[in-house]
């Protein structure tokens, strides 16, 4: 069995580590890396058996191709690898947005090459294969899109591999995925970055603010340390949903501003109490990733 990983960073590297741990020599994993240093490190860490910058060497004869570059690089990368893929090859990805990718790929994929859209809902603020962890997917939500056209037997072939990650898999409509991802992932990242920007724009108060920074600010803004290229691509490929939800957030904040300016303590109290009740309920059913 041969798996090619395009983008041996946090996500791709973690998948490689997991599958090598579970399957050993039953799977041969190749990785596409940009630099000699990253190739060497990916092999040293055991995320791949072979790494190269030559696309053909990495993907030829691969049964599965796992794409984990920034979202805007996925479609151009598929165009590059298509000439070297064998009939029956299965392509999947880790892209945080799904509609854009599928709309483009269905125009170019031949009938004997299959695409199954995926999104492991996990990660860390650190990037690169150095941050990879064989247990990164364990217990985390992993979305498989319902409507990318692969036959059931092809999907099951891929799932037999992905289930080894011990993630919690569920299927969802592509459009709904992008809307939900905007609310629970994309807008929170933008908001965390906004809070850091607010601090950075504190002017004469900046030095004093930095001395006061504690756990609350660090926890709330942790995800602002995520990869900028990745998040810029996400915003470009899920822009409608993100912009709409940012406007919703803006309306919520404007309501709070009005209540504070009017010294309406009850309205402010209700704002905090309702959000506390919702989050407490979420905590009863969801285990948050401490990383």
C-alpha atoms as a PDB file:
ATOM      1  CA  UNK A   1       0.000   0.000   0.000  1.00  0.00           C
ATOM      2  CA  UNK A   2       1.360   3.389  -0.951  1.00  0.00           C
ATOM      3  CA  UNK A   3       0.336   6.776   0.444  1.00  0.00           C
ATOM      4  CA  UNK A   4       1.651  10.069  -0.894  1.00  0.00           C
ATOM      5  CA  UNK A   5       1.457  13.076   1.418  1.00  0.00           C
ATOM      6  CA  UNK A   6       1.581  16.475  -0.261  1.00  0.00           C
ATOM      7  CA  UNK A   7       2.588  18.899   2.468  1.00  0.00           C
ATOM      8  CA  UNK A   8       4.345  17.063   5.298  1.00  0.00           C
ATOM      9  CA  UNK A   9       3.617  19.625   7.983  1.00  0.00           C
ATOM     10  CA  UNK A  10       1.573  19.419  11.164  1.00  0.00           C
ATOM     11  CA  UNK A  11      -1.443  17.628   9.654  1.00  0.00           C
ATOM     12  CA  UNK A  12       0.258  15.620   6.923  1.00  0.00           C
ATOM     13  CA  UNK A  13       3.128  14.693   9.216  1.00  0.00           C
ATOM     14  CA  UNK A  14       0.759  13.604  11.978  1.00  0.00           C
ATOM     15  CA  UNK A  15      -1.112  11.332   9.568  1.00  0.00           C
ATOM     16  CA  UNK A  16       2.148   9.799   8.430  1.00  0.00           C
ATOM     17  CA  UNK A  17       3.320   9.187  12.000  1.00  0.00           C
ATOM     18  CA  UNK A  18      -0.008   7.617  12.914  1.00  0.00           C
ATOM     19  CA  UNK A  19      -0.191   5.261   9.937  1.00  0.00           C
ATOM     20  CA  UNK A  20       3.438   4.174  10.229  1.00  0.00           C
ATOM     21  CA  UNK A  21       2.825   3.453  13.914  1.00  0.00           C
ATOM     22  CA  UNK A  22      -0.275   1.373  13.137  1.00  0.00           C
ATOM     23  CA  UNK A  23       0.763  -0.331   9.885  1.00  0.00           C
ATOM     24  CA  UNK A  24       4.548  -0.366   9.915  1.00  0.00           C
ATOM     25  CA  UNK A  25       5.968  -1.930   6.752  1.00  0.00           C
ATOM     26  CA  UNK A  26       2.472  -2.650   5.409  1.00  0.00           C
ATOM     27  CA  UNK A  27       2.380   0.923   4.141  1.00  0.00           C
ATOM     28  CA  UNK A  28       4.997   2.921   2.239  1.00  0.00           C
ATOM     29  CA  UNK A  29       4.612   6.674   2.670  1.00  0.00           C
ATOM     30  CA  UNK A  30       6.156   9.264   0.402  1.00  0.00           C
ATOM     31  CA  UNK A  31       6.165  12.998   1.050  1.00  0.00           C
ATOM     32  CA  UNK A  32       6.474  16.100  -1.081  1.00  0.00           C
ATOM     33  CA  UNK A  33       8.670  18.684   0.644  1.00  0.00           C
ATOM     34  CA  UNK A  34      10.044  21.999  -0.566  1.00  0.00           C
ATOM     35  CA  UNK A  35      13.525  21.975   0.986  1.00  0.00           C
ATOM     36  CA  UNK A  36      16.276  19.459   1.654  1.00  0.00           C
ATOM     37  CA  UNK A  37      16.019  20.279   5.344  1.00  0.00           C
ATOM     38  CA  UNK A  38      12.304  19.491   5.539  1.00  0.00           C
ATOM     39  CA  UNK A  39      12.759  16.293   3.519  1.00  0.00           C
ATOM     40  CA  UNK A  40      15.488  15.076   5.847  1.00  0.00           C
ATOM     41  CA  UNK A  41      13.509  15.968   8.966  1.00  0.00           C
ATOM     42  CA  UNK A  42      10.310  14.288   7.764  1.00  0.00           C
ATOM     43  CA  UNK A  43      12.209  11.029   7.209  1.00  0.00           C
ATOM     44  CA  UNK A  44      14.161  11.336  10.472  1.00  0.00           C
ATOM     45  CA  UNK A  45      10.952  11.786  12.477  1.00  0.00           C
ATOM     46  CA  UNK A  46       9.342   8.794  10.757  1.00  0.00           C
ATOM     47  CA  UNK A  47       6.487  10.730   9.179  1.00  0.00           C
ATOM     48  CA  UNK A  48       7.430   9.376   5.733  1.00  0.00           C
ATOM     49  CA  UNK A  49       9.638   6.641   4.312  1.00  0.00           C
ATOM     50  CA  UNK A  50      10.787   8.760   1.395  1.00  0.00           C
ATOM     51  CA  UNK A  51      10.672  12.494   0.724  1.00  0.00           C
ATOM     52  CA  UNK A  52      11.452  14.468  -2.395  1.00  0.00           C
ATOM     53  CA  UNK A  53      10.648  17.685  -4.227  1.00  0.00           C
ATOM     54  CA  UNK A  54       9.979  15.765  -7.463  1.00  0.00           C
ATOM     55  CA  UNK A  55       6.209  15.388  -7.813  1.00  0.00           C
ATOM     56  CA  UNK A  56       6.404  12.343 -10.074  1.00  0.00           C
ATOM     57  CA  UNK A  57       8.638  10.404  -7.679  1.00  0.00           C
ATOM     58  CA  UNK A  58       6.272  11.136  -4.802  1.00  0.00           C
ATOM     59  CA  UNK A  59       2.891  10.319  -6.376  1.00  0.00           C
ATOM     60  CA  UNK A  60       3.510   7.668  -9.024  1.00  0.00           C
ATOM     61  CA  UNK A  61       1.861   4.340  -8.141  1.00  0.00           C
ATOM     62  CA  UNK A  62       0.247   5.876  -5.048  1.00  0.00           C
ATOM     63  CA  UNK A  63      -3.022   4.303  -3.937  1.00  0.00           C
ATOM     64  CA  UNK A  64      -3.899   7.333  -1.832  1.00  0.00           C
ATOM     65  CA  UNK A  65      -2.878  10.975  -2.099  1.00  0.00           C
ATOM     66  CA  UNK A  66      -3.359  13.141   0.990  1.00  0.00           C
ATOM     67  CA  UNK A  67      -3.229  16.862   0.217  1.00  0.00           C
ATOM     68  CA  UNK A  68      -2.316  19.161   3.081  1.00  0.00           C
ATOM     69  CA  UNK A  69      -0.914  22.396   1.621  1.00  0.00           C
ATOM     70  CA  UNK A  70      -2.629  25.792   2.079  1.00  0.00           C
ATOM     71  CA  UNK A  71      -6.122  25.724   0.538  1.00  0.00           C
ATOM     72  CA  UNK A  72      -5.352  27.852  -2.515  1.00  0.00           C
ATOM     73  CA  UNK A  73      -2.511  25.482  -3.441  1.00  0.00           C
ATOM     74  CA  UNK A  74      -4.661  22.343  -3.496  1.00  0.00           C
ATOM     75  CA  UNK A  75      -6.261  22.726  -6.939  1.00  0.00           C
ATOM     76  CA  UNK A  76      -3.020  23.790  -8.688  1.00  0.00           C
ATOM     77  CA  UNK A  77      -1.277  20.855  -7.003  1.00  0.00           C
ATOM     78  CA  UNK A  78      -3.893  18.375  -8.253  1.00  0.00           C
ATOM     79  CA  UNK A  79      -3.372  19.700 -11.774  1.00  0.00           C
ATOM     80  CA  UNK A  80       0.356  19.025 -11.408  1.00  0.00           C
ATOM     81  CA  UNK A  81       0.027  15.482 -10.073  1.00  0.00           C
ATOM     82  CA  UNK A  82      -2.783  14.232 -12.364  1.00  0.00           C
ATOM     83  CA  UNK A  83      -0.466  13.145 -15.217  1.00  0.00           C
ATOM     84  CA  UNK A  84       1.405  10.832 -12.839  1.00  0.00           C
ATOM     85  CA  UNK A  85      -1.517   9.195 -11.020  1.00  0.00           C
ATOM     86  CA  UNK A  86      -2.510   5.620 -11.708  1.00  0.00           C
ATOM     87  CA  UNK A  87      -6.085   4.623 -12.504  1.00  0.00           C
ATOM     88  CA  UNK A  88      -8.119   4.157  -9.337  1.00  0.00           C
ATOM     89  CA  UNK A  89      -6.035   6.536  -7.233  1.00  0.00           C
ATOM     90  CA  UNK A  90      -7.941   8.202  -4.397  1.00  0.00           C
ATOM     91  CA  UNK A  91      -7.307  11.847  -3.558  1.00  0.00           C
ATOM     92  CA  UNK A  92      -8.342  13.325  -0.237  1.00  0.00           C
ATOM     93  CA  UNK A  93      -7.402  16.523   1.533  1.00  0.00           C
ATOM     94  CA  UNK A  94      -7.295  18.366   4.837  1.00  0.00           C
ATOM     95  CA  UNK A  95      -8.530  21.709   3.518  1.00  0.00           C
ATOM     96  CA  UNK A  96     -10.489  23.862   5.949  1.00  0.00           C
ATOM     97  CA  UNK A  97     -12.851  24.951   3.167  1.00  0.00           C
ATOM     98  CA  UNK A  98     -14.528  22.474   0.844  1.00  0.00           C
ATOM     99  CA  UNK A  99     -16.854  24.113  -1.694  1.00  0.00           C
ATOM    100  CA  UNK A 100     -14.168  26.015  -3.573  1.00  0.00           C
ATOM    101  CA  UNK A 101     -11.939  22.947  -3.914  1.00  0.00           C
ATOM    102  CA  UNK A 102     -14.705  20.630  -5.126  1.00  0.00           C
ATOM    103  CA  UNK A 103     -16.120  23.140  -7.601  1.00  0.00           C
ATOM    104  CA  UNK A 104     -12.705  23.340  -9.248  1.00  0.00           C
ATOM    105  CA  UNK A 105     -11.662  19.690  -9.031  1.00  0.00           C
ATOM    106  CA  UNK A 106     -14.831  18.254 -10.561  1.00  0.00           C
ATOM    107  CA  UNK A 107     -13.968  20.167 -13.747  1.00  0.00           C
ATOM    108  CA  UNK A 108     -10.615  18.423 -14.194  1.00  0.00           C
ATOM    109  CA  UNK A 109     -10.711  14.962 -12.597  1.00  0.00           C
ATOM    110  CA  UNK A 110     -10.923  11.992 -14.994  1.00  0.00           C
ATOM    111  CA  UNK A 111     -13.513   9.296 -14.277  1.00  0.00           C
ATOM    112  CA  UNK A 112     -10.940   6.855 -12.914  1.00  0.00           C
ATOM    113  CA  UNK A 113      -9.428   9.252 -10.332  1.00  0.00           C
ATOM    114  CA  UNK A 114     -11.540   9.830  -7.227  1.00  0.00           C
ATOM    115  CA  UNK A 115     -11.731  12.745  -4.804  1.00  0.00           C
ATOM    116  CA  UNK A 116     -13.137  12.441  -1.294  1.00  0.00           C
ATOM    117  CA  UNK A 117     -13.209  15.764   0.525  1.00  0.00           C
ATOM    118  CA  UNK A 118     -12.053  15.612   4.121  1.00  0.00           C
ATOM    119  CA  UNK A 119     -11.355  17.987   6.971  1.00  0.00           C
ATOM    120  CA  UNK A 120      -9.743  16.816  10.221  1.00  0.00           C
ATOM    121  CA  UNK A 121     -10.943  19.350  12.807  1.00  0.00           C
ATOM    122  CA  UNK A 122      -7.748  19.442  14.778  1.00  0.00           C
ATOM    123  CA  UNK A 123      -4.529  21.389  14.872  1.00  0.00           C
ATOM    124  CA  UNK A 124      -2.181  23.495  16.909  1.00  0.00           C
ATOM    125  CA  UNK A 125      -0.902  27.026  16.765  1.00  0.00           C
ATOM    126  CA  UNK A 126       2.479  25.619  15.712  1.00  0.00           C
ATOM    127  CA  UNK A 127       3.120  24.393  12.174  1.00  0.00           C
ATOM    128  CA  UNK A 128       5.613  22.120  10.454  1.00  0.00           C
ATOM    129  CA  UNK A 129       6.496  18.460  10.790  1.00  0.00           C
ATOM    130  CA  UNK A 130       8.326  19.218  14.049  1.00  0.00           C
ATOM    131  CA  UNK A 131       4.924  19.832  15.638  1.00  0.00           C
ATOM    132  CA  UNK A 132       3.414  16.601  14.260  1.00  0.00           C
ATOM    133  CA  UNK A 133       1.941  14.059  16.669  1.00  0.00           C
ATOM    134  CA  UNK A 134       0.741  10.535  15.875  1.00  0.00           C
ATOM    135  CA  UNK A 135      -2.242  11.091  18.219  1.00  0.00           C
ATOM    136  CA  UNK A 136      -3.255  14.464  16.789  1.00  0.00           C
ATOM    137  CA  UNK A 137      -6.475  13.119  15.249  1.00  0.00           C
ATOM    138  CA  UNK A 138      -7.478  10.812  18.113  1.00  0.00           C
ATOM    139  CA  UNK A 139     -10.911  11.687  19.474  1.00  0.00           C
ATOM    140  CA  UNK A 140     -11.221  14.755  17.227  1.00  0.00           C
ATOM    141  CA  UNK A 141     -13.964  15.432  14.692  1.00  0.00           C
ATOM    142  CA  UNK A 142     -13.050  14.482  11.138  1.00  0.00           C
ATOM    143  CA  UNK A 143     -15.447  15.603   8.409  1.00  0.00           C
ATOM    144  CA  UNK A 144     -15.984  13.591   5.243  1.00  0.00           C
ATOM    145  CA  UNK A 145     -18.059  15.508   2.689  1.00  0.00           C
ATOM    146  CA  UNK A 146     -21.185  13.752   1.476  1.00  0.00           C
ATOM    147  CA  UNK A 147     -21.250  14.906  -2.105  1.00  0.00           C
ATOM    148  CA  UNK A 148     -17.989  14.534  -4.011  1.00  0.00           C
ATOM    149  CA  UNK A 149     -19.138  11.642  -6.153  1.00  0.00           C
ATOM    150  CA  UNK A 150     -16.860   8.762  -5.142  1.00  0.00           C
ATOM    151  CA  UNK A 151     -18.542   5.306  -5.191  1.00  0.00           C
ATOM    152  CA  UNK A 152     -19.249   3.724  -1.777  1.00  0.00           C
ATOM    153  CA  UNK A 153     -16.568   1.053  -2.220  1.00  0.00           C
ATOM    154  CA  UNK A 154     -13.954   3.716  -2.978  1.00  0.00           C
ATOM    155  CA  UNK A 155     -14.956   5.741   0.071  1.00  0.00           C
ATOM    156  CA  UNK A 156     -14.768   2.625   2.248  1.00  0.00           C
ATOM    157  CA  UNK A 157     -11.282   1.875   0.933  1.00  0.00           C
ATOM    158  CA  UNK A 158     -10.121   5.279   2.127  1.00  0.00           C
ATOM    159  CA  UNK A 159     -12.002   5.037   5.410  1.00  0.00           C
ATOM    160  CA  UNK A 160     -10.258   1.752   6.226  1.00  0.00           C
ATOM    161  CA  UNK A 161      -7.048   3.793   6.366  1.00  0.00           C
ATOM    162  CA  UNK A 162      -8.354   6.966   7.980  1.00  0.00           C
ATOM    163  CA  UNK A 163     -10.133   5.094  10.796  1.00  0.00           C
ATOM    164  CA  UNK A 164      -6.704   4.106  12.093  1.00  0.00           C
ATOM    165  CA  UNK A 165      -6.362   7.710  13.288  1.00  0.00           C
ATOM    166  CA  UNK A 166      -9.170   7.015  15.828  1.00  0.00           C
ATOM    167  CA  UNK A 167     -10.836  10.299  14.896  1.00  0.00           C
ATOM    168  CA  UNK A 168     -14.604  10.771  15.205  1.00  0.00           C
ATOM    169  CA  UNK A 169     -15.841  10.688  11.620  1.00  0.00           C
ATOM    170  CA  UNK A 170     -19.074  12.163  10.366  1.00  0.00           C
ATOM    171  CA  UNK A 171     -20.447  13.154   6.998  1.00  0.00           C
ATOM    172  CA  UNK A 172     -21.885  16.562   6.185  1.00  0.00           C
ATOM    173  CA  UNK A 173     -23.071  18.523   3.168  1.00  0.00           C
ATOM    174  CA  UNK A 174     -20.257  20.619   1.703  1.00  0.00           C
ATOM    175  CA  UNK A 175     -22.059  23.967   1.926  1.00  0.00           C
ATOM    176  CA  UNK A 176     -23.080  23.326   5.524  1.00  0.00           C
ATOM    177  CA  UNK A 177     -19.501  22.351   6.363  1.00  0.00           C
ATOM    178  CA  UNK A 178     -18.185  25.699   5.145  1.00  0.00           C
ATOM    179  CA  UNK A 179     -20.837  27.654   7.065  1.00  0.00           C
ATOM    180  CA  UNK A 180     -20.215  25.738  10.281  1.00  0.00           C
ATOM    181  CA  UNK A 181     -16.432  25.910   9.916  1.00  0.00           C
ATOM    182  CA  UNK A 182     -16.755  29.672   9.579  1.00  0.00           C
ATOM    183  CA  UNK A 183     -18.555  29.939  12.924  1.00  0.00           C
ATOM    184  CA  UNK A 184     -16.516  27.510  14.998  1.00  0.00           C
ATOM    185  CA  UNK A 185     -13.070  27.969  13.463  1.00  0.00           C
ATOM    186  CA  UNK A 186     -12.559  30.733  10.903  1.00  0.00           C
ATOM    187  CA  UNK A 187     -14.226  33.655  12.700  1.00  0.00           C
ATOM    188  CA  UNK A 188     -12.622  32.719  16.054  1.00  0.00           C
ATOM    189  CA  UNK A 189      -9.191  32.855  14.414  1.00  0.00           C
ATOM    190  CA  UNK A 190      -9.947  36.262  12.924  1.00  0.00           C
ATOM    191  CA  UNK A 191     -11.243  37.448  16.288  1.00  0.00           C
ATOM    192  CA  UNK A 192      -8.134  36.241  18.111  1.00  0.00           C
ATOM    193  CA  UNK A 193      -5.987  38.124  15.602  1.00  0.00           C
ATOM    194  CA  UNK A 194      -8.163  41.220  16.122  1.00  0.00           C
ATOM    195  CA  UNK A 195      -7.556  41.113  19.885  1.00  0.00           C
ATOM    196  CA  UNK A 196      -3.797  40.966  19.315  1.00  0.00           C
ATOM    197  CA  UNK A 197      -4.108  43.872  16.880  1.00  0.00           C
ATOM    198  CA  UNK A 198      -6.097  45.802  19.488  1.00  0.00           C
ATOM    199  CA  UNK A 199      -3.245  45.312  21.952  1.00  0.00           C
ATOM    200  CA  UNK A 200      -0.649  46.238  19.339  1.00  0.00           C
ATOM    201  CA  UNK A 201      -2.524  49.477  18.609  1.00  0.00           C
ATOM    202  CA  UNK A 202      -2.608  50.500  22.278  1.00  0.00           C
ATOM    203  CA  UNK A 203      -0.149  53.325  21.611  1.00  0.00           C
ATOM    204  CA  UNK A 204       1.322  54.844  24.763  1.00  0.00           C
ATOM    205  CA  UNK A 205      -0.405  52.160  26.862  1.00  0.00           C
ATOM    206  CA  UNK A 206       1.258  49.250  25.044  1.00  0.00           C
ATOM    207  CA  UNK A 207       4.178  48.739  27.448  1.00  0.00           C
ATOM    208  CA  UNK A 208       1.900  48.818  30.473  1.00  0.00           C
ATOM    209  CA  UNK A 209      -0.571  46.446  28.810  1.00  0.00           C
ATOM    210  CA  UNK A 210       2.186  43.971  28.034  1.00  0.00           C
ATOM    211  CA  UNK A 211       3.194  43.935  31.709  1.00  0.00           C
ATOM    212  CA  UNK A 212      -0.384  43.042  32.627  1.00  0.00           C
ATOM    213  CA  UNK A 213      -0.830  40.226  30.080  1.00  0.00           C
ATOM    214  CA  UNK A 214      -1.922  37.056  31.839  1.00  0.00           C
ATOM    215  CA  UNK A 215      -3.500  33.691  31.197  1.00  0.00           C
ATOM    216  CA  UNK A 216      -6.819  35.072  30.020  1.00  0.00           C
ATOM    217  CA  UNK A 217      -5.309  37.036  27.146  1.00  0.00           C
ATOM    218  CA  UNK A 218      -2.897  34.242  26.254  1.00  0.00           C
ATOM    219  CA  UNK A 219      -5.651  31.611  26.199  1.00  0.00           C
ATOM    220  CA  UNK A 220      -8.055  33.781  24.220  1.00  0.00           C
ATOM    221  CA  UNK A 221      -5.460  34.703  21.590  1.00  0.00           C
ATOM    222  CA  UNK A 222      -3.538  31.404  21.390  1.00  0.00           C
ATOM    223  CA  UNK A 223      -4.796  30.588  17.900  1.00  0.00           C
ATOM    224  CA  UNK A 224      -3.576  33.949  16.585  1.00  0.00           C
ATOM    225  CA  UNK A 225      -0.152  32.255  16.380  1.00  0.00           C
ATOM    226  CA  UNK A 226      -1.396  30.023  13.547  1.00  0.00           C
ATOM    227  CA  UNK A 227       0.086  30.011  10.045  1.00  0.00           C
ATOM    228  CA  UNK A 228      -0.725  33.242   8.183  1.00  0.00           C
ATOM    229  CA  UNK A 229      -0.627  31.721   4.678  1.00  0.00           C
ATOM    230  CA  UNK A 230      -3.103  29.040   5.656  1.00  0.00           C
ATOM    231  CA  UNK A 231      -5.553  31.512   7.161  1.00  0.00           C
ATOM    232  CA  UNK A 232      -5.322  33.990   4.311  1.00  0.00           C
ATOM    233  CA  UNK A 233      -6.231  31.164   1.916  1.00  0.00           C
ATOM    234  CA  UNK A 234      -9.159  30.115   4.108  1.00  0.00           C
ATOM    235  CA  UNK A 235     -10.545  33.648   4.041  1.00  0.00           C
ATOM    236  CA  UNK A 236     -10.223  33.788   0.260  1.00  0.00           C
ATOM    237  CA  UNK A 237     -12.024  30.456  -0.265  1.00  0.00           C
ATOM    238  CA  UNK A 238     -14.807  30.795   2.312  1.00  0.00           C
ATOM    239  CA  UNK A 239     -15.260  34.534   2.066  1.00  0.00           C
ATOM    240  CA  UNK A 240     -19.070  34.718   1.837  1.00  0.00           C
ATOM    241  CA  UNK A 241     -19.677  32.717   5.007  1.00  0.00           C
ATOM    242  CA  UNK A 242     -16.868  34.388   6.936  1.00  0.00           C
ATOM    243  CA  UNK A 243     -17.928  37.915   5.973  1.00  0.00           C
ATOM    244  CA  UNK A 244     -21.549  37.185   6.879  1.00  0.00           C
ATOM    245  CA  UNK A 245     -20.620  35.771  10.274  1.00  0.00           C
ATOM    246  CA  UNK A 246     -18.215  38.634  10.982  1.00  0.00           C
ATOM    247  CA  UNK A 247     -21.106  41.020  10.357  1.00  0.00           C
ATOM    248  CA  UNK A 248     -23.245  38.973  12.753  1.00  0.00           C
ATOM    249  CA  UNK A 249     -20.467  39.244  15.332  1.00  0.00           C
ATOM    250  CA  UNK A 250     -20.214  42.969  14.668  1.00  0.00           C
ATOM    251  CA  UNK A 251     -23.960  43.334  15.340  1.00  0.00           C
ATOM    252  CA  UNK A 252     -23.614  41.394  18.590  1.00  0.00           C
ATOM    253  CA  UNK A 253     -20.766  43.627  19.752  1.00  0.00           C
ATOM    254  CA  UNK A 254     -22.652  46.759  18.736  1.00  0.00           C
ATOM    255  CA  UNK A 255     -25.517  45.616  20.931  1.00  0.00           C
ATOM    256  CA  UNK A 256     -23.145  45.178  23.868  1.00  0.00           C
ATOM    257  CA  UNK A 257     -21.568  48.575  23.195  1.00  0.00           C
ATOM    258  CA  UNK A 258     -24.991  50.208  23.270  1.00  0.00           C
ATOM    259  CA  UNK A 259     -25.901  48.459  26.516  1.00  0.00           C
ATOM    260  CA  UNK A 260     -22.627  49.552  28.165  1.00  0.00           C
ATOM    261  CA  UNK A 261     -22.968  53.133  26.955  1.00  0.00           C
ATOM    262  CA  UNK A 262     -26.542  53.230  28.294  1.00  0.00           C
ATOM    263  CA  UNK A 263     -25.414  51.774  31.634  1.00  0.00           C
ATOM    264  CA  UNK A 264     -27.916  48.945  31.080  1.00  0.00           C
ATOM    265  CA  UNK A 265     -26.509  46.482  33.589  1.00  0.00           C
ATOM    266  CA  UNK A 266     -29.272  43.937  33.056  1.00  0.00           C
ATOM    267  CA  UNK A 267     -28.615  43.756  29.303  1.00  0.00           C
ATOM    268  CA  UNK A 268     -24.887  43.309  29.917  1.00  0.00           C
ATOM    269  CA  UNK A 269     -25.596  40.687  32.583  1.00  0.00           C
ATOM    270  CA  UNK A 270     -27.889  38.797  30.201  1.00  0.00           C
ATOM    271  CA  UNK A 271     -25.196  38.889  27.519  1.00  0.00           C
ATOM    272  CA  UNK A 272     -22.684  37.200  29.831  1.00  0.00           C
ATOM    273  CA  UNK A 273     -25.124  34.783  31.463  1.00  0.00           C
ATOM    274  CA  UNK A 274     -26.509  33.474  28.166  1.00  0.00           C
ATOM    275  CA  UNK A 275     -23.061  32.899  26.707  1.00  0.00           C
ATOM    276  CA  UNK A 276     -21.923  31.199  29.939  1.00  0.00           C
ATOM    277  CA  UNK A 277     -24.921  28.872  29.900  1.00  0.00           C
ATOM    278  CA  UNK A 278     -24.283  27.891  26.277  1.00  0.00           C
ATOM    279  CA  UNK A 279     -20.569  27.281  26.802  1.00  0.00           C
ATOM    280  CA  UNK A 280     -21.172  25.268  29.982  1.00  0.00           C
ATOM    281  CA  UNK A 281     -23.584  23.076  28.039  1.00  0.00           C
ATOM    282  CA  UNK A 282     -21.005  22.600  25.284  1.00  0.00           C
ATOM    283  CA  UNK A 283     -18.398  21.582  27.869  1.00  0.00           C
ATOM    284  CA  UNK A 284     -20.690  18.807  29.076  1.00  0.00           C
ATOM    285  CA  UNK A 285     -20.500  17.050  25.724  1.00  0.00           C
ATOM    286  CA  UNK A 286     -17.234  18.171  24.092  1.00  0.00           C
ATOM    287  CA  UNK A 287     -13.666  17.704  25.260  1.00  0.00           C
ATOM    288  CA  UNK A 288     -11.552  20.631  24.113  1.00  0.00           C
ATOM    289  CA  UNK A 289      -8.054  20.007  22.799  1.00  0.00           C
ATOM    290  CA  UNK A 290      -5.636  21.460  25.392  1.00  0.00           C
ATOM    291  CA  UNK A 291      -3.113  21.990  22.605  1.00  0.00           C
END
